[in-house]
């Protein structure tokens, strides 16, 4: 996702993201200043993991 795509995305509850084409996760937080997306990869990690928008693709309501 480019910076422009990130800036123009209307983030909402239930949105999912594909990270580096292999990881699927629900978006739990967004940092607009740094253009990063926060997800929890597994239940073992209590803290969010943050990814730059350039390695993310928004998937809305499905896995592809």
N, C-alpha and C. Protein backbone atom coordinates (compact mmCIF):
# COMPACT_ATOMS: atom_id res chain seq x y z
N UNK A 1 0.85 -1.16 0.00
CA UNK A 1 0.00 0.00 0.00
C UNK A 1 0.90 1.23 0.00
N UNK A 2 0.59 2.17 -0.85
CA UNK A 2 1.37 3.40 -0.91
C UNK A 2 0.93 4.34 0.21
N UNK A 3 1.72 5.38 0.42
CA UNK A 3 1.34 6.39 1.42
C UNK A 3 0.02 7.05 1.06
N UNK A 4 -0.18 7.33 -0.22
CA UNK A 4 -1.42 7.96 -0.67
C UNK A 4 -2.61 7.03 -0.43
N UNK A 5 -2.45 5.73 -0.70
CA UNK A 5 -3.53 4.78 -0.44
C UNK A 5 -3.84 4.72 1.05
N UNK A 6 -2.81 4.71 1.89
CA UNK A 6 -3.00 4.71 3.34
C UNK A 6 -3.79 5.96 3.76
N UNK A 7 -3.35 7.11 3.28
CA UNK A 7 -3.99 8.37 3.65
C UNK A 7 -5.45 8.43 3.22
N UNK A 8 -5.81 7.75 2.13
CA UNK A 8 -7.17 7.79 1.60
C UNK A 8 -8.05 6.64 2.07
N UNK A 9 -7.52 5.73 2.87
CA UNK A 9 -8.29 4.60 3.36
C UNK A 9 -9.15 5.03 4.54
N UNK A 10 -10.40 4.63 4.50
CA UNK A 10 -11.30 4.87 5.63
C UNK A 10 -11.31 3.60 6.47
N UNK A 11 -10.47 3.58 7.48
CA UNK A 11 -10.33 2.40 8.33
C UNK A 11 -11.58 2.22 9.17
N UNK A 12 -12.01 0.96 9.31
CA UNK A 12 -13.20 0.68 10.10
C UNK A 12 -13.05 -0.70 10.77
N UNK A 13 -13.91 -0.93 11.73
CA UNK A 13 -13.89 -2.18 12.48
C UNK A 13 -14.08 -3.36 11.53
N UNK A 14 -13.33 -4.41 11.77
CA UNK A 14 -13.46 -5.62 10.97
C UNK A 14 -12.55 -5.69 9.76
N UNK A 15 -11.80 -4.64 9.51
CA UNK A 15 -10.90 -4.66 8.36
C UNK A 15 -9.73 -5.59 8.66
N UNK A 16 -9.29 -6.27 7.62
CA UNK A 16 -8.16 -7.17 7.73
C UNK A 16 -7.05 -6.68 6.81
N UNK A 17 -5.86 -7.18 7.09
CA UNK A 17 -4.70 -6.77 6.32
C UNK A 17 -3.87 -8.00 5.98
N UNK A 18 -3.28 -7.98 4.80
CA UNK A 18 -2.31 -9.00 4.42
C UNK A 18 -0.95 -8.31 4.47
N UNK A 19 -0.03 -8.92 5.22
CA UNK A 19 1.30 -8.32 5.42
C UNK A 19 2.33 -9.19 4.72
N UNK A 20 3.14 -8.55 3.88
CA UNK A 20 4.19 -9.27 3.13
C UNK A 20 3.64 -10.48 2.39
N UNK A 21 2.43 -10.40 1.92
CA UNK A 21 1.73 -11.44 1.14
C UNK A 21 1.51 -12.76 1.87
N UNK A 22 1.90 -12.89 3.14
CA UNK A 22 1.77 -14.18 3.82
C UNK A 22 1.00 -14.14 5.12
N UNK A 23 0.95 -13.02 5.80
CA UNK A 23 0.32 -12.94 7.12
C UNK A 23 -1.03 -12.23 6.97
N UNK A 24 -2.09 -12.85 7.49
CA UNK A 24 -3.41 -12.23 7.52
C UNK A 24 -3.76 -11.92 8.97
N UNK A 25 -4.27 -10.71 9.22
CA UNK A 25 -4.63 -10.34 10.58
C UNK A 25 -5.68 -9.24 10.56
N UNK A 26 -6.42 -9.14 11.66
CA UNK A 26 -7.38 -8.05 11.81
C UNK A 26 -6.63 -6.79 12.23
N UNK A 27 -7.01 -5.68 11.65
CA UNK A 27 -6.41 -4.39 12.02
C UNK A 27 -6.98 -3.99 13.37
N UNK A 28 -6.10 -3.77 14.35
CA UNK A 28 -6.54 -3.39 15.69
C UNK A 28 -6.25 -1.94 16.01
N UNK A 29 -5.29 -1.34 15.30
CA UNK A 29 -4.95 0.06 15.54
C UNK A 29 -4.25 0.62 14.31
N UNK A 30 -4.33 1.93 14.18
CA UNK A 30 -3.67 2.62 13.07
C UNK A 30 -2.95 3.83 13.62
N UNK A 31 -1.70 4.02 13.21
CA UNK A 31 -0.94 5.21 13.59
C UNK A 31 -0.81 6.06 12.33
N UNK A 32 -1.62 7.11 12.26
CA UNK A 32 -1.67 7.94 11.06
C UNK A 32 -0.39 8.75 10.87
N UNK A 33 0.22 9.18 11.96
CA UNK A 33 1.44 9.99 11.86
C UNK A 33 2.59 9.19 11.23
N UNK A 34 2.73 7.93 11.64
CA UNK A 34 3.82 7.10 11.13
C UNK A 34 3.41 6.20 9.96
N UNK A 35 2.11 6.24 9.61
CA UNK A 35 1.56 5.39 8.56
C UNK A 35 1.86 3.92 8.82
N UNK A 36 1.53 3.48 10.03
CA UNK A 36 1.72 2.09 10.41
C UNK A 36 0.40 1.47 10.85
N UNK A 37 0.34 0.14 10.75
CA UNK A 37 -0.86 -0.61 11.08
C UNK A 37 -0.50 -1.59 12.19
N UNK A 38 -1.31 -1.60 13.24
CA UNK A 38 -1.07 -2.47 14.39
C UNK A 38 -1.96 -3.69 14.35
N UNK A 39 -1.33 -4.86 14.49
CA UNK A 39 -2.06 -6.13 14.49
C UNK A 39 -1.51 -7.03 15.60
N UNK A 40 -2.27 -8.04 15.94
CA UNK A 40 -1.79 -9.07 16.85
C UNK A 40 -1.67 -10.34 16.02
N UNK A 41 -0.45 -10.81 15.83
CA UNK A 41 -0.18 -11.95 14.97
C UNK A 41 -0.70 -13.25 15.58
N UNK A 42 -0.52 -13.43 16.87
CA UNK A 42 -1.00 -14.64 17.53
C UNK A 42 -1.46 -14.29 18.94
N UNK A 43 -2.15 -15.21 19.56
CA UNK A 43 -2.64 -14.96 20.92
C UNK A 43 -1.51 -14.96 21.94
N UNK A 44 -0.35 -15.47 21.56
CA UNK A 44 0.79 -15.48 22.47
C UNK A 44 1.39 -14.09 22.66
N UNK A 45 1.22 -13.22 21.69
CA UNK A 45 1.76 -11.86 21.76
C UNK A 45 0.68 -10.92 22.28
N UNK A 46 0.91 -10.38 23.46
CA UNK A 46 -0.07 -9.46 24.03
C UNK A 46 0.03 -8.08 23.40
N UNK A 47 1.24 -7.67 23.04
CA UNK A 47 1.42 -6.35 22.46
C UNK A 47 1.15 -6.40 20.96
N UNK A 48 0.74 -5.26 20.44
CA UNK A 48 0.54 -5.16 19.00
C UNK A 48 1.88 -5.14 18.29
N UNK A 49 1.89 -5.66 17.10
CA UNK A 49 3.05 -5.54 16.24
C UNK A 49 2.68 -4.54 15.15
N UNK A 50 3.60 -3.63 14.87
CA UNK A 50 3.34 -2.53 13.95
C UNK A 50 4.07 -2.75 12.64
N UNK A 51 3.38 -2.50 11.53
CA UNK A 51 3.95 -2.69 10.21
C UNK A 51 3.76 -1.42 9.39
N UNK A 52 4.77 -1.06 8.65
CA UNK A 52 4.70 0.08 7.75
C UNK A 52 3.68 -0.22 6.65
N UNK A 53 2.96 0.79 6.23
CA UNK A 53 1.91 0.58 5.23
C UNK A 53 2.46 0.01 3.91
N UNK A 54 3.73 0.22 3.63
CA UNK A 54 4.30 -0.24 2.36
C UNK A 54 4.34 -1.77 2.25
N UNK A 55 4.23 -2.49 3.36
CA UNK A 55 4.23 -3.96 3.32
C UNK A 55 2.84 -4.53 3.53
N UNK A 56 1.81 -3.67 3.51
CA UNK A 56 0.45 -4.09 3.82
C UNK A 56 -0.48 -3.94 2.62
N UNK A 57 -1.48 -4.83 2.59
CA UNK A 57 -2.57 -4.74 1.63
C UNK A 57 -3.86 -4.93 2.41
N UNK A 58 -4.79 -4.01 2.26
CA UNK A 58 -6.06 -4.09 2.98
C UNK A 58 -6.93 -5.16 2.34
N UNK A 59 -7.46 -6.03 3.19
CA UNK A 59 -8.42 -7.05 2.77
C UNK A 59 -9.67 -6.80 3.59
N UNK A 60 -10.79 -6.51 2.96
CA UNK A 60 -11.99 -6.16 3.71
C UNK A 60 -12.92 -7.38 3.78
N UNK A 61 -13.00 -7.96 5.00
CA UNK A 61 -13.97 -9.00 5.28
C UNK A 61 -13.72 -10.36 4.68
N UNK A 62 -12.54 -10.62 4.11
CA UNK A 62 -12.29 -11.94 3.55
C UNK A 62 -10.81 -12.22 3.47
N UNK A 63 -10.47 -13.46 3.30
CA UNK A 63 -9.10 -13.87 3.02
C UNK A 63 -9.00 -14.16 1.55
N UNK A 64 -7.89 -13.74 0.94
CA UNK A 64 -7.72 -14.06 -0.47
C UNK A 64 -6.39 -14.71 -0.71
